[in-house]
C-alpha atoms as a PDB file:
ATOM      1  CA  MET A   1     113.097 112.464  93.995  1.00  0.00           C
ATOM      2  CA  THR A   2     111.230 114.017  96.886  1.00  0.00           C
ATOM      3  CA  GLU A   3     112.003 113.094 100.466  1.00  0.00           C
ATOM      4  CA  VAL A   4     108.908 112.430 102.562  1.00  0.00           C
ATOM      5  CA  ARG A   5     109.517 112.774 106.286  1.00  0.00           C
ATOM      6  CA  GLU A   6     107.318 111.794 109.192  1.00  0.00           C
ATOM      7  CA  TYR A   7     106.667 114.534 111.748  1.00  0.00           C
ATOM      8  CA  LEU A   8     107.473 113.635 115.348  1.00  0.00           C
ATOM      9  CA  HIS A   9     106.440 115.598 118.450  1.00  0.00           C
ATOM     10  CA  ALA A  10     109.195 116.568 120.892  1.00  0.00           C
ATOM     11  CA  GLN A  11     108.245 113.470 122.900  1.00  0.00           C
ATOM     12  CA  GLY A  12     108.831 111.280 119.828  1.00  0.00           C
ATOM     13  CA  ASN A  13     105.142 110.628 119.117  1.00  0.00           C
ATOM     14  CA  SER A  14     103.963 110.515 115.512  1.00  0.00           C
ATOM     15  CA  PRO A  15     100.492 111.933 114.754  1.00  0.00           C
ATOM     16  CA  TYR A  16     100.713 110.288 111.324  1.00  0.00           C
ATOM     17  CA  ALA A  17     101.389 106.839 112.781  1.00  0.00           C
ATOM     18  CA  LYS A  18      98.544 107.258 115.262  1.00  0.00           C
ATOM     19  CA  TRP A  19      96.173 108.139 112.397  1.00  0.00           C
ATOM     20  CA  PHE A  20      97.573 105.511 110.010  1.00  0.00           C
ATOM     21  CA  ASP A  21      97.258 102.678 112.543  1.00  0.00           C
ATOM     22  CA  ARG A  22      93.494 103.290 112.767  1.00  0.00           C
ATOM     23  CA  LEU A  23      92.928 102.907 109.003  1.00  0.00           C
ATOM     24  CA  ASN A  24      91.390  99.795 107.515  1.00  0.00           C
ATOM     25  CA  VAL A  25      93.562  97.744 105.157  1.00  0.00           C
ATOM     26  CA  ALA A  26      92.110  99.158 101.934  1.00  0.00           C
ATOM     27  CA  ALA A  27      92.621 102.756 103.067  1.00  0.00           C
ATOM     28  CA  ALA A  28      96.137 102.020 104.327  1.00  0.00           C
ATOM     29  CA  VAL A  29      97.103 100.578 100.930  1.00  0.00           C
ATOM     30  CA  LYS A  30      95.848 103.733  99.200  1.00  0.00           C
ATOM     31  CA  VAL A  31      97.799 105.977 101.585  1.00  0.00           C
ATOM     32  CA  VAL A  32     101.011 103.980 101.169  1.00  0.00           C
ATOM     33  CA  THR A  33     100.590 104.123  97.389  1.00  0.00           C
ATOM     34  CA  ALA A  34     100.038 107.891  97.479  1.00  0.00           C
ATOM     35  CA  VAL A  35     103.077 108.477  99.702  1.00  0.00           C
ATOM     36  CA  HIS A  36     105.229 106.310  97.432  1.00  0.00           C
ATOM     37  CA  ARG A  37     104.073 108.306  94.391  1.00  0.00           C
ATOM     38  CA  MET A  38     104.924 111.575  96.159  1.00  0.00           C
ATOM     39  CA  GLU A  39     108.398 110.248  96.897  1.00  0.00           C
ATOM     40  CA  GLN A  40     108.797 109.615  93.170  1.00  0.00           C
ATOM     41  CA  GLY A  41     107.761 113.214  92.403  1.00  0.00           C
ATOM     42  CA  ASN A  42     104.254 112.382  91.164  1.00  0.00           C
ATOM     43  CA  PHE A  43     101.869 114.734  92.963  1.00  0.00           C
ATOM     44  CA  VAL A  44      98.861 114.091  90.701  1.00  0.00           C
END
């Protein structure tokens, strides 16, 4: 399996979380699904 890590600035801020929190529900579901697939090794 692949480990997916979230980048944090030195101050502890997450650019990913900032971006993700602005997504609508449908887009957020697609992103979560894609990240989960990457964790499983499926990059297609």
